[in-house]
Protein backbone atom coordinates (compact mmCIF):
# COMPACT_ATOMS: atom_id res chain seq x y z
CA MET A 1 75.38 226.41 147.29
CA ALA A 2 76.15 222.96 145.90
CA ASN A 3 73.04 223.08 143.72
CA PHE A 4 74.02 226.50 142.41
CA LYS A 5 77.50 225.23 141.55
CA ASP A 6 75.97 222.31 139.68
CA ALA A 7 73.61 224.63 137.82
CA LEU A 8 76.50 226.93 136.93
CA GLY A 9 78.66 224.04 135.75
CA ALA A 10 82.03 225.72 136.35
CA ARG A 11 83.73 222.39 137.04
CA GLU A 12 83.22 221.41 133.41
CA LEU A 13 85.83 223.97 132.41
CA THR A 14 88.56 221.80 133.94
CA ASP A 15 86.95 218.35 133.92
CA LYS A 16 88.17 216.52 130.83
CA LYS A 17 85.51 213.85 131.28
CA ALA A 18 82.78 216.44 130.76
CA GLY A 19 83.75 216.73 127.09
CA LEU A 20 82.92 220.44 127.06
CA TYR A 21 85.48 221.50 124.50
CA GLN A 22 84.60 218.71 122.08
CA ALA A 23 80.97 219.77 122.46
CA LEU A 24 81.84 223.38 121.65
CA VAL A 25 83.62 222.30 118.47
CA ALA A 26 80.58 220.20 117.57
CA GLU A 27 78.22 223.16 118.00
CA PHE A 28 80.53 225.30 115.89
CA VAL A 29 80.55 222.75 113.08
CA GLY A 30 76.81 222.18 113.29
CA THR A 31 75.86 225.83 112.88
CA LEU A 32 78.50 226.31 110.20
CA LEU A 33 76.83 223.59 108.16
CA LEU A 34 73.38 224.98 108.88
CA ASN A 35 74.23 228.42 107.53
CA PHE A 36 76.12 227.06 104.55
CA PHE A 37 73.52 224.58 103.33
CA GLY A 38 70.35 226.20 104.66
CA CYS A 39 71.16 229.73 103.56
CA GLY A 40 72.66 228.37 100.37
CA ALA A 41 69.21 227.11 99.35
CA VAL A 42 67.65 230.58 99.62
CA ILE A 43 68.76 231.30 96.06
CA THR A 44 66.05 228.88 94.86
CA GLN A 45 63.37 231.32 96.07
CA ASN A 46 61.20 228.25 96.64
CA VAL A 47 59.69 228.11 100.11
CA VAL A 48 59.42 224.31 100.11
CA ALA A 49 63.00 223.84 98.95
CA ILE A 50 64.30 226.30 101.54
CA SER A 51 62.27 224.63 104.29
CA LEU A 52 63.55 221.18 103.38
CA ALA A 53 67.14 222.43 103.14
CA PHE A 54 67.06 223.84 106.66
CA GLY A 55 65.16 220.89 108.12
CA LEU A 56 67.31 218.20 106.52
CA THR A 57 70.52 220.02 107.43
CA VAL A 58 69.41 220.21 111.06
CA ALA A 59 68.54 216.49 111.02
CA ALA A 60 71.90 215.62 109.48
CA ALA A 61 73.82 217.81 111.92
CA ILE A 62 72.05 216.31 114.93
CA GLN A 63 72.78 212.83 113.65
CA GLY A 64 76.45 213.74 113.28
CA ILE A 65 77.13 215.68 116.47
CA GLY A 66 74.21 214.88 118.77
CA HIS A 67 76.16 212.31 120.77
CA VAL A 68 78.85 214.91 121.52
CA SER A 69 76.95 218.12 122.31
CA GLY A 70 73.30 217.22 122.00
CA GLY A 71 73.11 218.92 118.62
CA HIS A 72 71.49 222.14 119.78
CA ILE A 73 72.90 224.34 116.94
CA ASN A 74 70.38 226.98 118.03
CA PRO A 75 70.47 229.40 121.00
CA ALA A 76 66.69 229.04 121.35
CA VAL A 77 67.13 225.32 122.05
CA THR A 78 70.05 225.98 124.39
CA PHE A 79 68.16 228.61 126.40
CA GLY A 80 65.05 226.43 126.42
CA LEU A 81 66.97 223.60 128.07
CA MET A 82 69.06 225.89 130.25
CA VAL A 83 66.04 227.57 131.85
CA ILE A 84 64.75 224.21 133.11
CA GLY A 85 68.16 223.14 134.37
CA LYS A 86 68.89 220.50 131.74
CA ILE A 87 72.17 222.09 130.73
CA PRO A 88 74.60 224.04 132.98
CA ILE A 89 74.63 227.80 132.59
CA ILE A 90 78.28 228.14 131.60
CA ARG A 91 78.03 225.34 129.04
CA GLY A 92 74.88 226.91 127.64
CA LEU A 93 76.40 230.36 127.26
CA LEU A 94 79.52 228.92 125.63
CA TYR A 95 77.29 226.94 123.27
CA VAL A 96 75.58 230.16 122.17
CA ILE A 97 78.91 231.89 121.53
CA LEU A 98 80.23 229.01 119.42
CA GLN A 99 76.93 228.70 117.60
CA CYS A 100 77.19 232.36 116.58
CA VAL A 101 80.82 231.98 115.51
CA GLY A 102 79.94 228.87 113.52
CA ALA A 103 77.04 230.65 111.83
CA ILE A 104 79.29 233.55 110.84
CA ALA A 105 81.84 231.09 109.47
CA GLY A 106 79.20 229.21 107.48
CA SER A 107 77.76 232.39 105.96
CA SER A 108 81.25 233.72 105.23
CA ILE A 109 82.20 230.56 103.35
CA LEU A 110 78.90 230.66 101.48
CA ARG A 111 79.47 234.26 100.42
CA ALA A 112 83.05 233.56 99.39
CA LEU A 113 81.89 230.68 97.19
CA SER A 114 78.98 232.58 95.61
CA PRO A 115 79.07 235.05 92.71
CA GLU A 116 78.13 238.67 93.35
CA ARG A 117 74.77 238.26 91.63
CA MET A 118 73.73 235.89 94.45
CA GLU A 119 74.62 238.22 97.31
CA ASN A 120 71.01 239.38 97.65
CA ALA A 121 69.95 235.80 98.39
CA LEU A 122 72.36 234.52 101.02
CA GLY A 123 69.86 234.09 103.81
CA VAL A 124 69.55 237.51 105.47
CA VAL A 125 66.22 237.51 107.27
CA SER A 126 63.87 240.48 107.07
CA LEU A 127 60.21 241.28 107.57
CA SER A 128 58.00 240.97 104.52
CA PRO A 129 56.18 244.12 103.39
CA GLY A 130 53.27 244.83 105.72
CA VAL A 131 54.55 242.64 108.55
CA THR A 132 55.10 244.74 111.67
CA PRO A 133 57.96 244.12 114.13
CA VAL A 134 55.43 242.97 116.74
CA GLN A 135 53.93 240.48 114.30
CA GLY A 136 57.42 239.34 113.36
CA PHE A 137 58.26 238.87 117.03
CA GLY A 138 55.16 236.69 117.44
CA ILE A 139 56.03 234.56 114.42
CA GLU A 140 59.58 234.01 115.64
CA PHE A 141 58.30 233.18 119.12
CA PHE A 142 56.08 230.38 117.83
CA LEU A 143 58.66 229.04 115.39
CA ALA A 144 61.04 228.41 118.26
CA PHE A 145 58.22 227.28 120.54
CA ILE A 146 57.28 224.33 118.34
CA LEU A 147 60.94 223.45 117.80
CA VAL A 148 61.86 223.28 121.50
CA LEU A 149 58.59 221.51 122.36
CA VAL A 150 59.47 218.84 119.79
CA VAL A 151 63.07 218.66 121.03
CA SER A 152 61.83 218.15 124.59
CA GLY A 153 59.46 215.37 123.55
CA ALA A 154 61.80 213.65 121.11
CA CYS A 155 64.68 213.60 123.60
CA ASP A 156 62.65 212.48 126.61
CA THR A 157 64.49 209.33 127.68
CA ALA A 158 61.28 207.91 129.14
CA LYS A 159 60.26 207.53 125.47
CA PRO A 160 63.09 205.38 124.11
CA ASP A 161 61.14 204.51 120.95
CA SER A 162 61.52 208.10 119.69
CA LYS A 163 65.27 208.27 120.24
CA GLY A 164 66.31 206.75 116.92
CA ILE A 165 64.15 209.06 114.83
CA ALA A 166 64.64 212.17 116.97
CA PRO A 167 66.93 213.93 114.43
CA LEU A 168 64.35 213.49 111.67
CA ILE A 169 61.46 214.62 113.87
CA ILE A 170 63.37 217.72 114.95
CA GLY A 171 64.35 218.43 111.35
CA LEU A 172 60.72 218.20 110.28
CA ALA A 173 59.77 220.69 112.99
CA VAL A 174 62.35 223.08 111.52
CA SER A 175 60.88 222.57 108.05
CA VAL A 176 57.35 223.24 109.29
CA GLY A 177 58.54 226.43 110.95
CA HIS A 178 60.14 227.62 107.73
CA LEU A 179 57.02 226.93 105.69
CA VAL A 180 55.18 229.39 107.92
CA GLY A 181 58.02 231.79 108.64
CA VAL A 182 59.75 232.31 105.29
CA PRO A 183 56.88 234.29 103.72
CA ARG A 184 56.56 236.50 106.82
CA THR A 185 59.89 236.99 108.57
CA GLY A 186 62.31 235.00 106.46
CA ALA A 187 62.13 232.35 109.22
CA GLY A 188 65.04 233.15 111.48
CA MET A 189 63.89 230.56 114.04
CA ASN A 190 67.48 230.48 115.21
CA PRO A 191 69.27 233.58 116.56
CA ALA A 192 72.71 232.30 115.63
CA ARG A 193 71.67 231.50 112.06
CA SER A 194 70.13 234.98 111.68
CA PHE A 195 73.16 236.63 113.28
CA GLY A 196 75.62 234.86 110.97
CA SER A 197 73.86 236.09 107.84
CA ALA A 198 73.43 239.60 109.24
CA VAL A 199 77.10 239.95 110.17
CA VAL A 200 78.41 238.74 106.83
CA MET A 201 76.05 240.96 104.81
CA GLY A 202 76.04 243.90 107.27
CA LEU A 203 72.24 244.04 107.48
CA PHE A 204 70.63 244.27 110.92
CA ASP A 205 67.11 245.64 110.27
CA ASP A 206 64.77 244.64 113.14
CA HIS A 207 67.46 242.20 114.24
CA TRP A 208 66.36 242.28 117.88
CA LEU A 209 63.21 240.30 117.19
CA TYR A 210 65.24 237.44 115.70
CA TRP A 211 66.89 237.06 119.10
CA VAL A 212 64.18 237.93 121.59
CA GLY A 213 61.36 236.07 119.85
CA PRO A 214 63.06 232.67 119.44
CA ILE A 215 64.75 232.72 122.86
CA LEU A 216 61.52 233.54 124.70
CA GLY A 217 59.65 230.98 122.61
CA GLY A 218 62.22 228.30 123.38
CA MET A 219 62.19 229.07 127.10
CA ALA A 220 58.39 229.02 127.19
CA ALA A 221 58.29 225.64 125.42
CA GLY A 222 60.84 224.13 127.80
CA LEU A 223 58.94 225.32 130.85
CA ILE A 224 55.56 224.20 129.52
CA TYR A 225 56.80 220.74 128.55
CA THR A 226 58.50 220.20 131.89
CA PHE A 227 56.05 221.75 134.35
CA VAL A 228 52.69 221.79 132.57
CA ILE A 229 52.56 218.93 130.09
CA GLY A 230 55.06 216.88 132.04
CA PRO A 231 57.67 214.41 130.75
CA ALA A 232 56.58 210.92 129.76
CA LYS A 233 55.80 208.57 132.63
CA LEU A 234 58.45 206.07 133.63
CA SER A 235 57.63 202.39 133.94
CA GLU A 236 57.80 200.86 137.41
CA ASN A 237 60.99 198.97 136.56
CA SER A 238 62.74 201.91 134.95
CA ASN A 239 65.35 204.12 136.58
CA ARG A 240 65.57 206.52 133.64
CA THR A 241 65.14 210.22 134.24
CA TYR A 242 64.24 212.93 131.78
CA THR A 243 67.33 214.48 130.25
CA PRO A 244 67.94 216.74 127.27
CA ALA A 245 69.67 215.65 124.10
CA ALA A 246 72.96 216.94 125.50
CA MET A 247 72.96 214.27 128.20
CA ASP A 248 70.90 211.51 126.59
CA GLU A 249 73.70 209.28 125.31
CA LYS A 250 75.82 209.54 128.46
CA GLU A 251 72.86 208.93 130.76
CA LEU A 252 71.76 205.83 128.85
CA GLN A 253 75.31 204.47 128.92
CA ASN A 254 75.60 205.08 132.67
CA LEU A 255 72.21 203.51 133.40
CA THR A 256 73.01 200.46 131.27
CA ARG A 257 76.30 200.04 133.13
CA LYS A 258 74.55 200.33 136.52
CA LYS A 259 71.93 197.74 135.59
CA ARG A 260 74.63 195.36 134.37
CA ASP A 261 76.62 195.78 137.60
CA ASN A 262 73.50 195.54 139.81
CA PRO A 263 71.06 193.16 138.08
CA ALA A 264 68.84 193.02 141.17
């Protein structure tokens, strides 16, 4: 029962030290920026420019809010970490809700600040001609798969050398996904980002695949990294454990404090 309570994470709702509400605000802001800047670049109609806009915005957002919430800004990442127990269930579900609200806010601001002639290029994702829903589902699955696999590796605290460049690495994974996805599905890669654009423009064609594909891809990547590939090996003198981005900063601070208090 105790393990279930920990997995559920209900105590975080009343524990001020958990920083849940600050994290929710951070996820809201992160996805707002993603939809504003990423979707704002769609008007260029240049796949490389769009890919870089989304990737660099993700990297910037993670750098800015990662120490507060982990910088998920994507339900696929949240579900990928939640399914392997790296983030409590309640926190994860609240993250997804605030990510969606943030995405709607970002797309709403973008639309309000864009002329009518640009309304056909505000980031609504759709299948390209000839791409079937099943093919689109597969593309979205693998876009999220590579993202969460990279997140898991970059935020593995047994690999401290990758910590400083983790935002850039994750951002590059987003860019790679968009290079492949934009010509086929519009590269949702992120259910909240797709949802925000769809709500603001009122277009929901084949919208299910932009949720199911990325979430299943993210969950598969989290499970494979954790139970098949396996986290990086710890050194004999290390007490670090594998944690997701959401806990990385706090865990490192706690471990540093413990080592200082108990040098032996």
